[in-house]
Amino acid sequence: MDLIPVEKFIKVISNESNSLLGLTKFTKILSLLSGYSKIVENNLEIYVKFSKNMEILYTLLKLIYNSAKKKILYRELELSKIRKSSSDILATADLMKSLTESIDNNKVKLSYIKEDYFKRKNQIDKIKKDQTIYETLIQEQSQ
């Protein structure tokens, strides 16, 4: 079924009744409204395209931001690994230093103990020697 153009419809109605003669001027308003409708449709299409472009731009900016954040976090992870490794090495070095100091202190203590031991041993040996001398002297005198 074909649609009847508005202008023909208005002409037919105007010819039927004298009170509807002003309707022919109404077609001008309709053409203006039709033009306005096309402008609004074009504006709506432009807005939809703009909106899609803004969504794409937003997604792209999020991607760039997340990519940069990922790089920063990766660098921080690498630095953290290096710091942990350095910390472990420093802890090992500190432990080695304290063990070395402890060994040195124990060597000094051991040397003092050795000195005391040899002094006591010499004293005991001297006492034993003196004892044997006295025992010999006592035996000689008792005879």
Protein backbone atom coordinates (compact mmCIF):
# COMPACT_ATOMS: atom_id res chain seq x y z
CA MET A 1 0.00 0.00 0.00
CA ASP A 2 1.43 3.37 -1.04
CA LEU A 3 1.25 6.34 1.27
CA ILE A 4 -0.47 9.46 0.03
CA PRO A 5 1.80 12.51 0.20
CA VAL A 6 0.69 14.99 2.85
CA GLU A 7 0.36 17.84 0.36
CA LYS A 8 -2.10 15.93 -1.83
CA PHE A 9 -4.07 14.86 1.23
CA ILE A 10 -4.32 18.47 2.45
CA LYS A 11 -5.38 19.71 -1.02
CA VAL A 12 -8.12 17.10 -1.20
CA ILE A 13 -9.40 17.98 2.29
CA SER A 14 -9.18 21.75 1.56
CA ASN A 15 -11.24 21.33 -1.60
CA GLU A 16 -13.95 19.52 0.36
CA SER A 17 -14.38 22.19 2.98
CA ASN A 18 -13.88 25.95 2.87
CA SER A 19 -13.06 26.09 6.58
CA LEU A 20 -9.88 24.06 5.98
CA LEU A 21 -8.34 26.40 3.36
CA GLY A 22 -5.48 27.41 5.73
CA LEU A 23 -4.15 23.88 5.79
CA THR A 24 -2.02 24.48 2.69
CA LYS A 25 0.14 26.81 4.75
CA PHE A 26 0.49 23.99 7.23
CA THR A 27 2.65 22.11 4.72
CA LYS A 28 5.35 24.75 5.14
CA ILE A 29 5.40 24.04 8.87
CA LEU A 30 5.55 20.34 8.11
CA SER A 31 8.52 20.81 5.79
CA LEU A 32 10.26 22.91 8.46
CA LEU A 33 9.53 20.24 11.06
CA SER A 34 10.74 17.57 8.66
CA GLY A 35 14.00 19.50 8.15
CA TYR A 36 14.31 19.96 11.90
CA SER A 37 13.69 16.24 12.35
CA LYS A 38 16.51 15.44 9.91
CA ILE A 39 18.83 17.83 11.76
CA VAL A 40 17.93 16.19 15.07
CA GLU A 41 18.54 12.73 13.57
CA ASN A 42 21.93 13.87 12.24
CA ASN A 43 22.79 15.38 15.63
CA LEU A 44 21.75 12.14 17.30
CA GLU A 45 23.94 10.11 14.94
CA ILE A 46 26.86 12.47 15.62
CA TYR A 47 26.24 12.15 19.35
CA VAL A 48 26.17 8.33 19.12
CA LYS A 49 29.43 8.34 17.14
CA PHE A 50 30.95 10.79 19.62
CA SER A 51 29.80 8.64 22.53
CA LYS A 52 31.35 5.53 20.96
CA ASN A 53 34.58 7.41 20.31
CA MET A 54 34.63 8.59 23.93
CA GLU A 55 34.17 5.00 25.13
CA ILE A 56 37.03 3.88 22.89
CA LEU A 57 39.20 6.75 24.15
CA TYR A 58 38.33 5.92 27.76
CA THR A 59 39.19 2.25 27.19
CA LEU A 60 42.45 3.24 25.50
CA LEU A 61 43.38 5.55 28.39
CA LYS A 62 42.58 2.77 30.88
CA LEU A 63 44.80 0.42 28.89
CA ILE A 64 47.66 2.93 28.86
CA TYR A 65 47.23 3.62 32.59
CA ASN A 66 47.10 -0.08 33.50
CA SER A 67 50.09 -0.81 31.28
CA ALA A 68 52.12 1.94 32.96
CA LYS A 69 50.98 0.75 36.39
CA LYS A 70 51.99 -2.81 35.50
CA LYS A 71 55.47 -1.61 34.48
CA ILE A 72 55.83 0.33 37.74
CA LEU A 73 54.69 -2.65 39.81
CA TYR A 74 57.06 -4.94 37.91
CA ARG A 75 59.97 -2.57 38.63
CA GLU A 76 58.95 -2.42 42.29
CA LEU A 77 58.87 -6.22 42.38
CA GLU A 78 62.36 -6.42 40.88
CA LEU A 79 63.63 -3.83 43.38
CA SER A 80 61.95 -5.74 46.19
CA LYS A 81 63.71 -8.93 45.09
CA ILE A 82 67.04 -7.08 45.00
CA ARG A 83 66.39 -5.55 48.43
CA LYS A 84 65.49 -8.97 49.85
CA SER A 85 68.60 -10.49 48.34
CA SER A 86 70.70 -7.62 49.68
CA SER A 87 69.02 -7.97 53.05
CA ASP A 88 69.77 -11.70 53.10
CA ILE A 89 73.39 -11.04 52.13
CA LEU A 90 73.70 -8.36 54.82
CA ALA A 91 72.15 -10.69 57.40
CA THR A 92 74.61 -13.41 56.41
CA ALA A 93 77.50 -10.94 56.56
CA ASP A 94 76.37 -9.75 60.01
CA LEU A 95 76.12 -13.34 61.19
CA MET A 96 79.59 -14.10 59.81
CA LYS A 97 80.97 -10.99 61.54
CA SER A 98 79.41 -11.91 64.87
CA LEU A 99 80.67 -15.50 64.53
CA THR A 100 84.16 -14.22 63.72
CA GLU A 101 84.06 -11.94 66.77
CA SER A 102 82.83 -14.82 68.90
CA ILE A 103 85.63 -17.08 67.59
CA ASP A 104 88.21 -14.36 68.30
CA ASN A 105 86.84 -13.86 71.82
CA ASN A 106 86.85 -17.60 72.43
CA LYS A 107 90.45 -17.84 71.15
CA VAL A 108 91.49 -15.16 73.66
CA LYS A 109 89.62 -16.95 76.44
CA LEU A 110 91.20 -20.24 75.38
CA SER A 111 94.67 -18.72 75.48
CA TYR A 112 93.97 -17.45 79.01
CA ILE A 113 92.71 -20.90 80.00
CA LYS A 114 95.83 -22.49 78.44
CA GLU A 115 98.05 -20.10 80.36
CA ASP A 116 96.23 -20.91 83.59
CA TYR A 117 96.43 -24.62 82.80
CA PHE A 118 100.16 -24.54 82.16
CA LYS A 119 100.74 -22.44 85.30
CA ARG A 120 98.79 -24.96 87.36
CA LYS A 121 100.51 -27.88 85.63
CA ASN A 122 103.90 -26.35 86.32
CA GLN A 123 102.90 -25.77 89.92
CA ILE A 124 101.71 -29.37 90.23
CA ASP A 125 104.88 -30.66 88.55
CA LYS A 126 106.99 -28.54 90.86
CA ILE A 127 105.04 -29.77 93.87
CA LYS A 128 105.47 -33.40 92.71
CA LYS A 129 109.14 -32.83 92.12
CA ASP A 130 109.52 -31.22 95.51
CA GLN A 131 107.53 -34.05 97.03
CA THR A 132 109.81 -36.68 95.53
CA ILE A 133 112.83 -34.72 96.71
CA TYR A 134 111.40 -34.52 100.20
CA GLU A 135 110.45 -38.15 100.18
CA THR A 136 113.95 -39.05 99.11
CA LEU A 137 115.38 -36.86 101.80
CA ILE A 138 113.08 -38.37 104.37
CA GLN A 139 114.07 -41.87 103.32
CA GLU A 140 117.72 -41.01 103.48
CA GLN A 141 117.36 -39.57 106.93
CA SER A 142 115.37 -42.47 108.17
CA GLN A 143 118.08 -44.86 107.22
